[in-house]
Amino acid sequence: MPAIMRYGTSAFFLTLTLSFPHIILTPELVVENPAMRYVHALIALTAFHRRTSLIAGDGILFLYSYATQL
């Protein structure tokens, strides 16, 4: 994955962690789960490096599957 995509993904999830912890992937998907802040932070940290970007992808798939169950 190109570096610009990893950095953009990391910045997006870091923004969600710090400013919008209750939003899953889009502004329409709002939950009151306090653990979402930690999931966003994990994705932001692992998306930054090439070796751990697969873990970030798994985290995004987790968020997607969590959102489809709402």
C-alpha atoms as a PDB file:
ATOM      1  CA  MET A   1       0.000   0.000   0.000  1.00  0.00           C
ATOM      2  CA  PRO A   2       1.419   3.429  -0.862  1.00  0.00           C
ATOM      3  CA  ALA A   3       2.657   5.548   2.001  1.00  0.00           C
ATOM      4  CA  ILE A   4       0.233   8.399   1.285  1.00  0.00           C
ATOM      5  CA  MET A   5      -2.753   6.066   1.762  1.00  0.00           C
ATOM      6  CA  ARG A   6      -1.351   4.727   5.037  1.00  0.00           C
ATOM      7  CA  TYR A   7      -0.674   8.230   6.339  1.00  0.00           C
ATOM      8  CA  GLY A   8      -4.126   9.426   5.283  1.00  0.00           C
ATOM      9  CA  THR A   9      -5.805   6.460   6.948  1.00  0.00           C
ATOM     10  CA  SER A  10      -3.772   7.030  10.070  1.00  0.00           C
ATOM     11  CA  ALA A  11      -4.674  10.728  10.143  1.00  0.00           C
ATOM     12  CA  PHE A  12      -8.373   9.951   9.603  1.00  0.00           C
ATOM     13  CA  PHE A  13      -8.561   7.493  12.480  1.00  0.00           C
ATOM     14  CA  LEU A  14      -6.438   9.724  14.704  1.00  0.00           C
ATOM     15  CA  THR A  15      -8.945  12.513  14.079  1.00  0.00           C
ATOM     16  CA  LEU A  16     -11.780  10.145  14.984  1.00  0.00           C
ATOM     17  CA  THR A  17      -9.922   9.136  18.146  1.00  0.00           C
ATOM     18  CA  LEU A  18      -9.348  12.671  19.364  1.00  0.00           C
ATOM     19  CA  SER A  19     -12.422  14.544  18.140  1.00  0.00           C
ATOM     20  CA  PHE A  20     -15.227  12.117  17.302  1.00  0.00           C
ATOM     21  CA  PRO A  21     -14.851   8.931  19.395  1.00  0.00           C
ATOM     22  CA  HIS A  22     -18.476   7.832  18.947  1.00  0.00           C
ATOM     23  CA  ILE A  23     -18.458   7.787  15.132  1.00  0.00           C
ATOM     24  CA  ILE A  24     -17.629   4.447  13.525  1.00  0.00           C
ATOM     25  CA  LEU A  25     -16.802   5.076   9.849  1.00  0.00           C
ATOM     26  CA  THR A  26     -19.253   7.717   8.678  1.00  0.00           C
ATOM     27  CA  PRO A  27     -21.070  10.492  10.563  1.00  0.00           C
ATOM     28  CA  GLU A  28     -24.336   8.552  10.292  1.00  0.00           C
ATOM     29  CA  LEU A  29     -22.975   5.610  12.311  1.00  0.00           C
ATOM     30  CA  VAL A  30     -22.904   6.859  15.897  1.00  0.00           C
ATOM     31  CA  VAL A  31     -22.629   4.523  18.879  1.00  0.00           C
ATOM     32  CA  GLU A  32     -22.238   5.117  22.604  1.00  0.00           C
ATOM     33  CA  ASN A  33     -19.515   2.502  23.017  1.00  0.00           C
ATOM     34  CA  PRO A  34     -16.491   3.937  24.865  1.00  0.00           C
ATOM     35  CA  ALA A  35     -14.231   1.220  23.440  1.00  0.00           C
ATOM     36  CA  MET A  36     -14.469   2.748  19.952  1.00  0.00           C
ATOM     37  CA  ARG A  37     -11.872   5.333  20.960  1.00  0.00           C
ATOM     38  CA  TYR A  38      -9.341   2.538  21.553  1.00  0.00           C
ATOM     39  CA  VAL A  39     -10.222   0.739  18.321  1.00  0.00           C
ATOM     40  CA  HIS A  40      -9.701   3.987  16.387  1.00  0.00           C
ATOM     41  CA  ALA A  41      -6.376   4.582  18.137  1.00  0.00           C
ATOM     42  CA  LEU A  42      -5.217   1.049  17.366  1.00  0.00           C
ATOM     43  CA  ILE A  43      -6.077   1.463  13.694  1.00  0.00           C
ATOM     44  CA  ALA A  44      -4.342   4.856  13.572  1.00  0.00           C
ATOM     45  CA  LEU A  45      -1.159   3.477  15.110  1.00  0.00           C
ATOM     46  CA  THR A  46      -1.000   0.330  12.999  1.00  0.00           C
ATOM     47  CA  ALA A  47      -1.862   2.035   9.707  1.00  0.00           C
ATOM     48  CA  PHE A  48       1.208   4.243   9.944  1.00  0.00           C
ATOM     49  CA  HIS A  49       3.764   1.510   9.227  1.00  0.00           C
ATOM     50  CA  ARG A  50       3.842  -0.876   6.278  1.00  0.00           C
ATOM     51  CA  ARG A  51       4.415  -4.011   8.356  1.00  0.00           C
ATOM     52  CA  THR A  52       1.394  -3.418  10.579  1.00  0.00           C
ATOM     53  CA  SER A  53      -0.997  -2.061   7.965  1.00  0.00           C
ATOM     54  CA  LEU A  54      -2.620  -5.500   7.680  1.00  0.00           C
ATOM     55  CA  ILE A  55      -3.696  -5.185  11.319  1.00  0.00           C
ATOM     56  CA  ALA A  56      -5.219  -1.798  10.491  1.00  0.00           C
ATOM     57  CA  GLY A  57      -7.136  -3.416   7.640  1.00  0.00           C
ATOM     58  CA  ASP A  58      -8.448  -6.048  10.019  1.00  0.00           C
ATOM     59  CA  GLY A  59      -9.534  -3.274  12.376  1.00  0.00           C
ATOM     60  CA  ILE A  60     -11.412  -1.516   9.589  1.00  0.00           C
ATOM     61  CA  LEU A  61     -13.133  -4.793   8.689  1.00  0.00           C
ATOM     62  CA  PHE A  62     -14.046  -5.193  12.362  1.00  0.00           C
ATOM     63  CA  LEU A  63     -15.622  -1.728  12.377  1.00  0.00           C
ATOM     64  CA  TYR A  64     -17.540  -2.562   9.201  1.00  0.00           C
ATOM     65  CA  SER A  65     -18.883  -5.811  10.653  1.00  0.00           C
ATOM     66  CA  TYR A  66     -19.778  -4.016  13.897  1.00  0.00           C
ATOM     67  CA  ALA A  67     -21.649  -1.356  11.927  1.00  0.00           C
ATOM     68  CA  THR A  68     -23.645  -3.901   9.920  1.00  0.00           C
ATOM     69  CA  GLN A  69     -24.946  -5.428  13.146  1.00  0.00           C
ATOM     70  CA  LEU A  70     -26.437  -2.118  14.329  1.00  0.00           C
END
